[in-house]
Amino acid sequence: MNMDILMAPIIIFLIIVAPIWLILHYRSKRQVSQGLTEEEYTQLNDLITRADKMAQRIDTLEAILDTEAPQWRTRDE
């Protein structure tokens, strides 16, 4: 009796879910192995440029704060 209850979900899983799961898994593996597209590469370079600009701005702001308010790093939040 207990095996009969489990057999239906197992069969449905093996016939429907498992093949779809495998197809989607290997499709995503293939896409990852192909590397970045030209658009993704451009976006990545744009993000790198923005991050560099933000780092420069943070350095500038910290330098200003060090001059204007030398204890700003040790203040309690």
C-alpha atoms as a PDB file:
ATOM      1  CA  MET A   1       0.000   0.000   0.000  1.00  0.00           C
ATOM      2  CA  ASN A   2       2.729   2.486   0.946  1.00  0.00           C
ATOM      3  CA  MET A   3       4.713   1.708  -2.218  1.00  0.00           C
ATOM      4  CA  ASP A   4       1.681   2.402  -4.381  1.00  0.00           C
ATOM      5  CA  ILE A   5       1.374   5.888  -2.900  1.00  0.00           C
ATOM      6  CA  LEU A   6       5.024   6.664  -3.654  1.00  0.00           C
ATOM      7  CA  MET A   7       5.129   5.171  -7.138  1.00  0.00           C
ATOM      8  CA  ALA A   8       2.893   7.743  -8.831  1.00  0.00           C
ATOM      9  CA  PRO A   9       4.933  10.810  -7.772  1.00  0.00           C
ATOM     10  CA  ILE A  10       8.183   9.018  -8.621  1.00  0.00           C
ATOM     11  CA  ILE A  11       6.951   8.077 -12.090  1.00  0.00           C
ATOM     12  CA  ILE A  12       5.661  11.614 -12.735  1.00  0.00           C
ATOM     13  CA  PHE A  13       9.011  13.017 -11.601  1.00  0.00           C
ATOM     14  CA  LEU A  14      11.005  10.668 -13.844  1.00  0.00           C
ATOM     15  CA  ILE A  15       8.831  11.232 -16.915  1.00  0.00           C
ATOM     16  CA  ILE A  16       8.209  14.999 -16.694  1.00  0.00           C
ATOM     17  CA  VAL A  17      10.414  16.817 -14.197  1.00  0.00           C
ATOM     18  CA  ALA A  18      13.757  15.018 -14.586  1.00  0.00           C
ATOM     19  CA  PRO A  19      14.122  15.479 -18.377  1.00  0.00           C
ATOM     20  CA  ILE A  20      13.170  19.169 -18.185  1.00  0.00           C
ATOM     21  CA  TRP A  21      15.574  19.621 -15.282  1.00  0.00           C
ATOM     22  CA  LEU A  22      18.411  17.979 -17.214  1.00  0.00           C
ATOM     23  CA  ILE A  23      17.746  19.991 -20.370  1.00  0.00           C
ATOM     24  CA  LEU A  24      17.723  23.299 -18.476  1.00  0.00           C
ATOM     25  CA  HIS A  25      20.798  22.323 -16.465  1.00  0.00           C
ATOM     26  CA  TYR A  26      22.945  21.499 -19.479  1.00  0.00           C
ATOM     27  CA  ARG A  27      21.652  24.507 -21.434  1.00  0.00           C
ATOM     28  CA  SER A  28      22.780  26.811 -18.624  1.00  0.00           C
ATOM     29  CA  LYS A  29      26.145  24.990 -18.434  1.00  0.00           C
ATOM     30  CA  ARG A  30      26.651  25.580 -22.167  1.00  0.00           C
ATOM     31  CA  GLN A  31      25.837  29.288 -21.834  1.00  0.00           C
ATOM     32  CA  VAL A  32      28.291  29.697 -18.975  1.00  0.00           C
ATOM     33  CA  SER A  33      31.060  27.937 -20.880  1.00  0.00           C
ATOM     34  CA  GLN A  34      30.599  30.240 -23.890  1.00  0.00           C
ATOM     35  CA  GLY A  35      31.751  33.244 -21.849  1.00  0.00           C
ATOM     36  CA  LEU A  36      30.550  36.820 -21.925  1.00  0.00           C
ATOM     37  CA  THR A  37      28.689  38.295 -24.863  1.00  0.00           C
ATOM     38  CA  GLU A  38      29.903  41.566 -26.362  1.00  0.00           C
ATOM     39  CA  GLU A  39      27.103  43.452 -24.574  1.00  0.00           C
ATOM     40  CA  GLU A  40      27.951  41.848 -21.215  1.00  0.00           C
ATOM     41  CA  TYR A  41      31.649  42.650 -21.746  1.00  0.00           C
ATOM     42  CA  THR A  42      30.749  46.303 -22.457  1.00  0.00           C
ATOM     43  CA  GLN A  43      28.546  46.448 -19.357  1.00  0.00           C
ATOM     44  CA  LEU A  44      31.324  44.934 -17.243  1.00  0.00           C
ATOM     45  CA  ASN A  45      33.820  47.521 -18.473  1.00  0.00           C
ATOM     46  CA  ASP A  46      31.291  50.294 -17.773  1.00  0.00           C
ATOM     47  CA  LEU A  47      30.815  49.006 -14.221  1.00  0.00           C
ATOM     48  CA  ILE A  48      34.583  48.858 -13.705  1.00  0.00           C
ATOM     49  CA  THR A  49      34.904  52.485 -14.867  1.00  0.00           C
ATOM     50  CA  ARG A  50      32.089  53.585 -12.549  1.00  0.00           C
ATOM     51  CA  ALA A  51      33.625  51.720  -9.600  1.00  0.00           C
ATOM     52  CA  ASP A  52      36.984  53.414 -10.218  1.00  0.00           C
ATOM     53  CA  LYS A  53      35.307  56.844 -10.332  1.00  0.00           C
ATOM     54  CA  MET A  54      33.425  56.103  -7.107  1.00  0.00           C
ATOM     55  CA  ALA A  55      36.654  54.998  -5.397  1.00  0.00           C
ATOM     56  CA  GLN A  56      38.314  58.269  -6.442  1.00  0.00           C
ATOM     57  CA  ARG A  57      35.349  60.261  -5.126  1.00  0.00           C
ATOM     58  CA  ILE A  58      35.426  58.388  -1.812  1.00  0.00           C
ATOM     59  CA  ASP A  59      39.156  59.074  -1.472  1.00  0.00           C
ATOM     60  CA  THR A  60      38.528  62.773  -2.168  1.00  0.00           C
ATOM     61  CA  LEU A  61      35.675  62.942   0.358  1.00  0.00           C
ATOM     62  CA  GLU A  62      37.779  61.194   3.008  1.00  0.00           C
ATOM     63  CA  ALA A  63      40.629  63.628   2.401  1.00  0.00           C
ATOM     64  CA  ILE A  64      38.232  66.574   2.796  1.00  0.00           C
ATOM     65  CA  LEU A  65      36.763  65.085   5.975  1.00  0.00           C
ATOM     66  CA  ASP A  66      40.245  64.418   7.373  1.00  0.00           C
ATOM     67  CA  THR A  67      41.019  68.118   6.901  1.00  0.00           C
ATOM     68  CA  GLU A  68      37.681  69.557   8.036  1.00  0.00           C
ATOM     69  CA  ALA A  69      36.790  67.110  10.839  1.00  0.00           C
ATOM     70  CA  PRO A  70      39.835  65.032  11.871  1.00  0.00           C
ATOM     71  CA  GLN A  71      37.855  62.914  14.377  1.00  0.00           C
ATOM     72  CA  TRP A  72      35.182  61.793  11.910  1.00  0.00           C
ATOM     73  CA  ARG A  73      36.615  58.259  11.712  1.00  0.00           C
ATOM     74  CA  THR A  74      36.440  57.686  15.464  1.00  0.00           C
ATOM     75  CA  ARG A  75      32.917  59.020  16.058  1.00  0.00           C
ATOM     76  CA  ASP A  76      30.290  56.614  17.386  1.00  0.00           C
ATOM     77  CA  GLU A  77      27.526  55.884  14.961  1.00  0.00           C
END
